[in-house]
Amino acid sequence: MNEGVVSAELGLGGWPAVAEESIIARDVLLAEHVGSRVHICHLSTAGSVEIVRWAKSRGIDVTAEVTPAPPPPHG
Protein backbone atom coordinates (compact mmCIF):
# COMPACT_ATOMS: atom_id res chain seq x y z
CA MET A 1 0.00 0.00 0.00
CA ASN A 2 1.24 3.48 -0.80
CA GLU A 3 2.05 5.73 2.12
CA GLY A 4 -0.72 8.22 2.79
CA VAL A 5 -3.88 9.03 4.72
CA VAL A 6 -5.51 5.64 4.18
CA SER A 7 -2.41 3.67 5.22
CA ALA A 8 -2.17 5.81 8.35
CA GLU A 9 -5.86 5.29 9.18
CA LEU A 10 -5.39 1.54 8.81
CA GLY A 11 -2.25 1.59 10.94
CA LEU A 12 -0.12 0.29 8.07
CA GLY A 13 3.36 1.45 7.24
CA GLY A 14 2.84 2.44 3.63
CA TRP A 15 5.50 2.42 0.91
CA PRO A 16 6.60 5.99 0.10
CA ALA A 17 6.24 7.16 -3.52
CA VAL A 18 9.97 7.88 -3.74
CA ALA A 19 10.72 4.16 -3.27
CA GLU A 20 8.75 3.19 -6.39
CA GLU A 21 9.93 6.18 -8.40
CA SER A 22 13.61 5.65 -7.66
CA ILE A 23 13.43 2.02 -8.81
CA ILE A 24 11.71 3.00 -12.05
CA ALA A 25 14.25 5.75 -12.70
CA ARG A 26 17.07 3.27 -12.12
CA ASP A 27 15.56 0.72 -14.46
CA VAL A 28 14.96 3.13 -17.35
CA LEU A 29 18.47 4.57 -17.02
CA LEU A 30 19.95 1.06 -17.06
CA ALA A 31 17.86 0.20 -20.14
CA GLU A 32 19.18 3.32 -21.85
CA HIS A 33 22.76 2.48 -20.89
CA VAL A 34 22.68 -1.04 -22.33
CA GLY A 35 20.35 -0.23 -25.23
CA SER A 36 17.54 -2.53 -24.15
CA ARG A 37 13.85 -2.09 -23.63
CA VAL A 38 12.02 -2.25 -20.32
CA HIS A 39 8.38 -2.74 -19.33
CA ILE A 40 7.30 -1.37 -15.94
CA CYS A 41 4.38 -3.18 -14.30
CA HIS A 42 1.87 -1.65 -11.91
CA LEU A 43 2.77 2.04 -11.77
CA SER A 44 0.96 3.55 -8.81
CA THR A 45 2.20 7.14 -8.48
CA ALA A 46 1.97 10.25 -10.65
CA GLY A 47 5.73 10.64 -10.28
CA SER A 48 6.28 7.20 -11.82
CA VAL A 49 4.17 8.19 -14.83
CA GLU A 50 6.26 11.35 -15.20
CA ILE A 51 9.48 9.33 -15.13
CA VAL A 52 8.16 7.08 -17.92
CA ARG A 53 7.19 10.17 -19.95
CA TRP A 54 10.66 11.64 -19.39
CA ALA A 55 12.30 8.36 -20.45
CA LYS A 56 10.21 8.20 -23.62
CA SER A 57 11.14 11.81 -24.44
CA ARG A 58 14.81 10.72 -24.29
CA GLY A 59 14.12 7.89 -26.70
CA ILE A 60 14.39 5.13 -24.11
CA ASP A 61 12.35 2.08 -25.17
CA VAL A 62 10.03 1.88 -22.16
CA THR A 63 6.45 0.74 -21.82
CA ALA A 64 4.33 0.61 -18.69
CA GLU A 65 0.94 -0.15 -17.25
CA VAL A 66 -0.79 1.14 -14.16
CA THR A 67 -2.31 -0.52 -11.14
CA PRO A 68 -6.10 -0.46 -11.37
CA ALA A 69 -7.82 1.56 -8.67
CA PRO A 70 -9.82 -0.44 -6.14
CA PRO A 71 -13.59 -0.17 -6.37
CA PRO A 72 -15.23 2.42 -4.11
CA PRO A 73 -16.49 1.07 -0.79
CA HIS A 74 -20.11 0.05 -0.59
CA GLY A 75 -22.23 2.02 1.71
PDB file of N, CA and C in Angstrom:
ATOM      1  N   MET A   1       0.838  -1.163   0.000  1.00  0.00           N
ATOM      2  CA  MET A   1       0.000   0.000   0.000  1.00  0.00           C
ATOM      3  C   MET A   1       0.892   1.238   0.000  1.00  0.00           C
ATOM      4  N   ASN A   2       0.494   2.230  -0.791  1.00  0.00           N
ATOM      5  CA  ASN A   2       1.241   3.481  -0.796  1.00  0.00           C
ATOM      6  C   ASN A   2       1.059   4.211   0.526  1.00  0.00           C
ATOM      7  N   GLU A   3       2.091   4.930   0.900  1.00  0.00           N
ATOM      8  CA  GLU A   3       2.049   5.730   2.118  1.00  0.00           C
ATOM      9  C   GLU A   3       1.071   6.883   1.927  1.00  0.00           C
ATOM     10  N   GLY A   4       0.217   7.113   2.895  1.00  0.00           N
ATOM     11  CA  GLY A   4      -0.725   8.220   2.794  1.00  0.00           C
ATOM     12  C   GLY A   4      -1.759   8.175   3.901  1.00  0.00           C
ATOM     13  N   VAL A   5      -2.836   8.911   3.716  1.00  0.00           N
ATOM     14  CA  VAL A   5      -3.881   9.033   4.723  1.00  0.00           C
ATOM     15  C   VAL A   5      -4.513   7.678   5.028  1.00  0.00           C
ATOM     16  N   VAL A   6      -4.846   6.925   3.975  1.00  0.00           N
ATOM     17  CA  VAL A   6      -5.513   5.636   4.184  1.00  0.00           C
ATOM     18  C   VAL A   6      -4.596   4.657   4.909  1.00  0.00           C
ATOM     19  N   SER A   7      -3.319   4.584   4.518  1.00  0.00           N
ATOM     20  CA  SER A   7      -2.410   3.666   5.218  1.00  0.00           C
ATOM     21  C   SER A   7      -2.285   4.054   6.685  1.00  0.00           C
ATOM     22  N   ALA A   8      -2.260   5.354   6.957  1.00  0.00           N
ATOM     23  CA  ALA A   8      -2.165   5.815   8.352  1.00  0.00           C
ATOM     24  C   ALA A   8      -3.422   5.452   9.131  1.00  0.00           C
ATOM     25  N   GLU A   9      -4.596   5.627   8.500  1.00  0.00           N
ATOM     26  CA  GLU A   9      -5.856   5.288   9.178  1.00  0.00           C
ATOM     27  C   GLU A   9      -5.938   3.799   9.485  1.00  0.00           C
ATOM     28  N   LEU A  10      -5.361   2.983   8.599  1.00  0.00           N
ATOM     29  CA  LEU A  10      -5.387   1.537   8.809  1.00  0.00           C
ATOM     30  C   LEU A  10      -4.260   1.050   9.705  1.00  0.00           C
ATOM     31  N   GLY A  11      -3.372   1.962  10.090  1.00  0.00           N
ATOM     32  CA  GLY A  11      -2.253   1.590  10.936  1.00  0.00           C
ATOM     33  C   GLY A  11      -1.177   0.802  10.200  1.00  0.00           C
ATOM     34  N   LEU A  12      -1.115   0.992   8.881  1.00  0.00           N
ATOM     35  CA  LEU A  12      -0.123   0.286   8.069  1.00  0.00           C
ATOM     36  C   LEU A  12       1.017   1.224   7.707  1.00  0.00           C
ATOM     37  N   GLY A  13       2.206   0.684   7.702  1.00  0.00           N
ATOM     38  CA  GLY A  13       3.359   1.453   7.244  1.00  0.00           C
ATOM     39  C   GLY A  13       3.390   1.409   5.723  1.00  0.00           C
ATOM     40  N   GLY A  14       2.899   2.425   5.085  1.00  0.00           N
ATOM     41  CA  GLY A  14       2.837   2.440   3.629  1.00  0.00           C
ATOM     42  C   GLY A  14       4.201   2.619   2.988  1.00  0.00           C
ATOM     43  N   TRP A  15       4.272   2.290   1.697  1.00  0.00           N
ATOM     44  CA  TRP A  15       5.502   2.417   0.913  1.00  0.00           C
ATOM     45  C   TRP A  15       5.545   3.822   0.337  1.00  0.00           C
ATOM     46  N   PRO A  16       6.560   4.618   0.606  1.00  0.00           N
ATOM     47  CA  PRO A  16       6.599   5.992   0.095  1.00  0.00           C
ATOM     48  C   PRO A  16       6.769   6.017  -1.424  1.00  0.00           C
ATOM     49  N   ALA A  17       6.184   7.020  -2.058  1.00  0.00           N
ATOM     50  CA  ALA A  17       6.237   7.162  -3.516  1.00  0.00           C
ATOM     51  C   ALA A  17       7.670   7.168  -4.031  1.00  0.00           C
ATOM     52  N   VAL A  18       8.578   7.786  -3.288  1.00  0.00           N
ATOM     53  CA  VAL A  18       9.969   7.875  -3.736  1.00  0.00           C
ATOM     54  C   VAL A  18      10.607   6.493  -3.889  1.00  0.00           C
ATOM     55  N   ALA A  19      10.160   5.510  -3.146  1.00  0.00           N
ATOM     56  CA  ALA A  19      10.716   4.163  -3.269  1.00  0.00           C
ATOM     57  C   ALA A  19      10.397   3.584  -4.647  1.00  0.00           C
ATOM     58  N   GLU A  20       9.146   3.670  -5.067  1.00  0.00           N
ATOM     59  CA  GLU A  20       8.749   3.193  -6.395  1.00  0.00           C
ATOM     60  C   GLU A  20       9.439   4.004  -7.490  1.00  0.00           C
ATOM     61  N   GLU A  21       9.411   5.300  -7.350  1.00  0.00           N
ATOM     62  CA  GLU A  21       9.932   6.181  -8.396  1.00  0.00           C
ATOM     63  C   GLU A  21      11.434   6.016  -8.593  1.00  0.00           C
ATOM     64  N   SER A  22      12.170   5.812  -7.524  1.00  0.00           N
ATOM     65  CA  SER A  22      13.614   5.652  -7.664  1.00  0.00           C
ATOM     66  C   SER A  22      13.966   4.342  -8.367  1.00  0.00           C
ATOM     67  N   ILE A  23      13.198   3.297  -8.133  1.00  0.00           N
ATOM     68  CA  ILE A  23      13.435   2.020  -8.811  1.00  0.00           C
ATOM     69  C   ILE A  23      13.136   2.143 -10.304  1.00  0.00           C
ATOM     70  N   ILE A  24      12.049   2.825 -10.639  1.00  0.00           N
ATOM     71  CA  ILE A  24      11.707   3.004 -12.051  1.00  0.00           C
ATOM     72  C   ILE A  24      12.756   3.860 -12.752  1.00  0.00           C
ATOM     73  N   ALA A  25      13.201   4.918 -12.113  1.00  0.00           N
ATOM     74  CA  ALA A  25      14.245   5.755 -12.702  1.00  0.00           C
ATOM     75  C   ALA A  25      15.510   4.943 -12.935  1.00  0.00           C
ATOM     76  N   ARG A  26      15.886   4.133 -11.972  1.00  0.00           N
ATOM     77  CA  ARG A  26      17.070   3.273 -12.122  1.00  0.00           C
ATOM     78  C   ARG A  26      16.920   2.341 -13.312  1.00  0.00           C
ATOM     79  N   ASP A  27      15.763   1.702 -13.398  1.00  0.00           N
ATOM     80  CA  ASP A  27      15.557   0.720 -14.464  1.00  0.00           C
ATOM     81  C   ASP A  27      15.575   1.352 -15.853  1.00  0.00           C
ATOM     82  N   VAL A  28      14.949   2.520 -16.017  1.00  0.00           N
ATOM     83  CA  VAL A  28      14.960   3.134 -17.351  1.00  0.00           C
ATOM     84  C   VAL A  28      16.351   3.648 -17.711  1.00  0.00           C
ATOM     85  N   LEU A  29      17.110   4.127 -16.733  1.00  0.00           N
ATOM     86  CA  LEU A  29      18.468   4.569 -17.020  1.00  0.00           C
ATOM     87  C   LEU A  29      19.369   3.388 -17.379  1.00  0.00           C
ATOM     88  N   LEU A  30      19.185   2.263 -16.708  1.00  0.00           N
ATOM     89  CA  LEU A  30      19.951   1.060 -17.058  1.00  0.00           C
ATOM     90  C   LEU A  30      19.579   0.570 -18.459  1.00  0.00           C
ATOM     91  N   ALA A  31      18.290   0.602 -18.798  1.00  0.00           N
ATOM     92  CA  ALA A  31      17.859   0.197 -20.141  1.00  0.00           C
ATOM     93  C   ALA A  31      18.492   1.094 -21.196  1.00  0.00           C
ATOM     94  N   GLU A  32      18.542   2.395 -20.915  1.00  0.00           N
ATOM     95  CA  GLU A  32      19.178   3.321 -21.849  1.00  0.00           C
ATOM     96  C   GLU A  32      20.663   2.992 -21.991  1.00  0.00           C
ATOM     97  N   HIS A  33      21.314   2.738 -20.897  1.00  0.00           N
ATOM     98  CA  HIS A  33      22.757   2.483 -20.894  1.00  0.00           C
ATOM     99  C   HIS A  33      23.140   1.258 -21.726  1.00  0.00           C
ATOM    100  N   VAL A  34      22.341   0.193 -21.609  1.00  0.00           N
ATOM    101  CA  VAL A  34      22.677  -1.039 -22.328  1.00  0.00           C
ATOM    102  C   VAL A  34      21.932  -1.177 -23.651  1.00  0.00           C
ATOM    103  N   GLY A  35      21.070  -0.203 -23.963  1.00  0.00           N
ATOM    104  CA  GLY A  35      20.347  -0.229 -25.231  1.00  0.00           C
ATOM    105  C   GLY A  35      19.257  -1.281 -25.300  1.00  0.00           C
ATOM    106  N   SER A  36      18.616  -1.541 -24.173  1.00  0.00           N
ATOM    107  CA  SER A  36      17.537  -2.533 -24.153  1.00  0.00           C
ATOM    108  C   SER A  36      16.200  -1.845 -23.920  1.00  0.00           C
ATOM    109  N   ARG A  37      15.167  -2.626 -23.947  1.00  0.00           N
ATOM    110  CA  ARG A  37      13.854  -2.086 -23.625  1.00  0.00           C
ATOM    111  C   ARG A  37      13.461  -2.565 -22.235  1.00  0.00           C
ATOM    112  N   VAL A  38      12.485  -1.876 -21.659  1.00  0.00           N
ATOM    113  CA  VAL A  38      12.022  -2.254 -20.324  1.00  0.00           C
ATOM    114  C   VAL A  38      10.520  -2.000 -20.246  1.00  0.00           C
ATOM    115  N   HIS A  39       9.811  -2.900 -19.583  1.00  0.00           N
ATOM    116  CA  HIS A  39       8.382  -2.735 -19.325  1.00  0.00           C
ATOM    117  C   HIS A  39       8.205  -2.644 -17.814  1.00  0.00           C
ATOM    118  N   ILE A  40       7.534  -1.599 -17.372  1.00  0.00           N
ATOM    119  CA  ILE A  40       7.303  -1.373 -15.944  1.00  0.00           C
ATOM    120  C   ILE A  40       5.857  -1.774 -15.628  1.00  0.00           C
ATOM    121  N   CYS A  41       5.708  -2.702 -14.700  1.00  0.00           N
ATOM    122  CA  CYS A  41       4.379  -3.184 -14.302  1.00  0.00           C
ATOM    123  C   CYS A  41       3.863  -2.436 -13.081  1.00  0.00           C
ATOM    124  N   HIS A  42       2.593  -2.142 -13.082  1.00  0.00           N
ATOM    125  CA  HIS A  42       1.870  -1.649 -11.909  1.00  0.00           C
ATOM    126  C   HIS A  42       2.332  -0.293 -11.381  1.00  0.00           C
ATOM    127  N   LEU A  43       2.489   0.692 -12.262  1.00  0.00           N
ATOM    128  CA  LEU A  43       2.775   2.045 -11.767  1.00  0.00           C
ATOM    129  C   LEU A  43       1.652   2.463 -10.826  1.00  0.00           C
ATOM    130  N   SER A  44       2.006   3.136  -9.747  1.00  0.00           N
ATOM    131  CA  SER A  44       0.955   3.552  -8.812  1.00  0.00           C
ATOM    132  C   SER A  44       1.108   4.986  -8.335  1.00  0.00           C
ATOM    133  N   THR A  45       2.069   5.734  -8.880  1.00  0.00           N
ATOM    134  CA  THR A  45       2.198   7.142  -8.483  1.00  0.00           C
ATOM    135  C   THR A  45       2.286   8.038  -9.715  1.00  0.00           C
ATOM    136  N   ALA A  46       1.868   9.274  -9.555  1.00  0.00           N
ATOM    137  CA  ALA A  46       1.971  10.247 -10.645  1.00  0.00           C
ATOM    138  C   ALA A  46       3.436  10.479 -11.014  1.00  0.00           C
ATOM    139  N   GLY A  47       4.308  10.452 -10.019  1.00  0.00           N
ATOM    140  CA  GLY A  47       5.729  10.635 -10.279  1.00  0.00           C
ATOM    141  C   GLY A  47       6.295   9.530 -11.162  1.00  0.00           C
ATOM    142  N   SER A  48       5.830   8.313 -10.981  1.00  0.00           N
ATOM    143  CA  SER A  48       6.280   7.200 -11.820  1.00  0.00           C
ATOM    144  C   SER A  48       5.862   7.416 -13.271  1.00  0.00           C
ATOM    145  N   VAL A  49       4.653   7.891 -13.465  1.00  0.00           N
ATOM    146  CA  VAL A  49       4.172   8.193 -14.827  1.00  0.00           C
ATOM    147  C   VAL A  49       5.047   9.273 -15.452  1.00  0.00           C
ATOM    148  N   GLU A  50       5.408  10.277 -14.681  1.00  0.00           N
ATOM    149  CA  GLU A  50       6.264  11.351 -15.202  1.00  0.00           C
ATOM    150  C   GLU A  50       7.649  10.831 -15.577  1.00  0.00           C
ATOM    151  N   ILE A  51       8.174   9.903 -14.806  1.00  0.00           N
ATOM    152  CA  ILE A  51       9.477   9.327 -15.129  1.00  0.00           C
ATOM    153  C   ILE A  51       9.401   8.564 -16.451  1.00  0.00           C
ATOM    154  N   VAL A  52       8.332   7.808 -16.659  1.00  0.00           N
ATOM    155  CA  VAL A  52       8.165   7.084 -17.923  1.00  0.00           C
ATOM    156  C   VAL A  52       8.045   8.075 -19.081  1.00  0.00           C
ATOM    157  N   ARG A  53       7.299   9.140 -18.896  1.00  0.00           N
ATOM    158  CA  ARG A  53       7.193  10.173 -19.946  1.00  0.00           C
ATOM    159  C   ARG A  53       8.560  10.780 -20.256  1.00  0.00           C
ATOM    160  N   TRP A  54       9.322  11.074 -19.220  1.00  0.00           N
ATOM    161  CA  TRP A  54      10.656  11.636 -19.393  1.00  0.00           C
ATOM    162  C   TRP A  54      11.537  10.658 -20.168  1.00  0.00           C
ATOM    163  N   ALA A  55      11.481   9.380 -19.780  1.00  0.00           N
ATOM    164  CA  ALA A  55      12.303   8.364 -20.454  1.00  0.00           C
ATOM    165  C   ALA A  55      11.932   8.264 -21.931  1.00  0.00           C
ATOM    166  N   LYS A  56      10.647   8.254 -22.228  1.00  0.00           N
ATOM    167  CA  LYS A  56      10.211   8.196 -23.623  1.00  0.00           C
ATOM    168  C   LYS A  56      10.696   9.419 -24.401  1.00  0.00           C
ATOM    169  N   SER A  57      10.689  10.585 -23.756  1.00  0.00           N
ATOM    170  CA  SER A  57      11.137  11.809 -24.436  1.00  0.00           C
ATOM    171  C   SER A  57      12.629  11.752 -24.766  1.00  0.00           C
ATOM    172  N   ARG A  58      13.377  10.931 -24.026  1.00  0.00           N
ATOM    173  CA  ARG A  58      14.812  10.723 -24.290  1.00  0.00           C
ATOM    174  C   ARG A  58      15.055   9.612 -25.297  1.00  0.00           C
ATOM    175  N   GLY A  59      13.984   8.966 -25.738  1.00  0.00           N
ATOM    176  CA  GLY A  59      14.121   7.886 -26.704  1.00  0.00           C
ATOM    177  C   GLY A  59      14.378   6.529 -26.086  1.00  0.00           C
ATOM    178  N   ILE A  60      14.211   6.418 -24.782  1.00  0.00           N
ATOM    179  CA  ILE A  60      14.386   5.127 -24.114  1.00  0.00           C
ATOM    180  C   ILE A  60      13.174   4.257 -24.436  1.00  0.00           C
ATOM    181  N   ASP A  61      13.421   2.998 -24.787  1.00  0.00           N
ATOM    182  CA  ASP A  61      12.350   2.078 -25.173  1.00  0.00           C
ATOM    183  C   ASP A  61      11.687   1.525 -23.917  1.00  0.00           C
ATOM    184  N   VAL A  62      10.715   2.264 -23.398  1.00  0.00           N
ATOM    185  CA  VAL A  62      10.035   1.884 -22.165  1.00  0.00           C
ATOM    186  C   VAL A  62       8.533   1.855 -22.397  1.00  0.00           C
ATOM    187  N   THR A  63       7.901   0.824 -21.859  1.00  0.00           N
ATOM    188  CA  THR A  63       6.447   0.742 -21.822  1.00  0.00           C
ATOM    189  C   THR A  63       6.048   0.510 -20.369  1.00  0.00           C
ATOM    190  N   ALA A  64       4.786   0.757 -20.072  1.00  0.00           N
ATOM    191  CA  ALA A  64       4.331   0.608 -18.692  1.00  0.00           C
ATOM    192  C   ALA A  64       2.827   0.416 -18.658  1.00  0.00           C
ATOM    193  N   GLU A  65       2.368  -0.074 -17.527  1.00  0.00           N
ATOM    194  CA  GLU A  65       0.937  -0.152 -17.250  1.00  0.00           C
ATOM    195  C   GLU A  65       0.717   0.254 -15.797  1.00  0.00           C
ATOM    196  N   VAL A  66      -0.494   0.643 -15.500  1.00  0.00           N
ATOM    197  CA  VAL A  66      -0.791   1.140 -14.161  1.00  0.00           C
ATOM    198  C   VAL A  66      -1.583   0.133 -13.351  1.00  0.00           C
ATOM    199  N   THR A  67      -1.537   0.298 -12.049  1.00  0.00           N
ATOM    200  CA  THR A  67      -2.314  -0.523 -11.143  1.00  0.00           C
ATOM    201  C   THR A  67      -3.753  -0.025 -11.162  1.00  0.00           C
ATOM    202  N   PRO A  68      -4.710  -0.916 -11.378  1.00  0.00           N
ATOM    203  CA  PRO A  68      -6.103  -0.457 -11.370  1.00  0.00           C
ATOM    204  C   PRO A  68      -6.501   0.017  -9.978  1.00  0.00           C
ATOM    205  N   ALA A  69      -7.336   1.032  -9.961  1.00  0.00           N
ATOM    206  CA  ALA A  69      -7.819   1.558  -8.675  1.00  0.00           C
ATOM    207  C   ALA A  69      -8.819   0.581  -8.083  1.00  0.00           C
ATOM    208  N   PRO A  70      -8.834   0.455  -6.765  1.00  0.00           N
ATOM    209  CA  PRO A  70      -9.821  -0.435  -6.142  1.00  0.00           C
ATOM    210  C   PRO A  70     -11.215   0.146  -6.297  1.00  0.00           C
ATOM    211  N   PRO A  71     -12.233  -0.688  -6.276  1.00  0.00           N
ATOM    212  CA  PRO A  71     -13.592  -0.165  -6.373  1.00  0.00           C
ATOM    213  C   PRO A  71     -13.930   0.661  -5.136  1.00  0.00           C
ATOM    214  N   PRO A  72     -14.841   1.618  -5.290  1.00  0.00           N
ATOM    215  CA  PRO A  72     -15.226   2.415  -4.107  1.00  0.00           C
ATOM    216  C   PRO A  72     -15.931   1.526  -3.091  1.00  0.00           C
ATOM    217  N   PRO A  73     -15.820   1.887  -1.809  1.00  0.00           N
ATOM    218  CA  PRO A  73     -16.487   1.074  -0.785  1.00  0.00           C
ATOM    219  C   PRO A  73     -18.004   1.147  -0.922  1.00  0.00           C
ATOM    220  N   HIS A  74     -18.642   0.073  -0.553  1.00  0.00           N
ATOM    221  CA  HIS A  74     -20.114   0.048  -0.590  1.00  0.00           C
ATOM    222  C   HIS A  74     -20.630   0.736   0.666  1.00  0.00           C
ATOM    223  N   GLY A  75     -21.735   1.384   0.506  1.00  0.00           N
ATOM    224  CA  GLY A  75     -22.235   2.021   1.714  1.00  0.00           C
ATOM    225  C   GLY A  75     -23.390   2.781   1.506  1.00  0.00           C
TER     226      GLY A  75
END
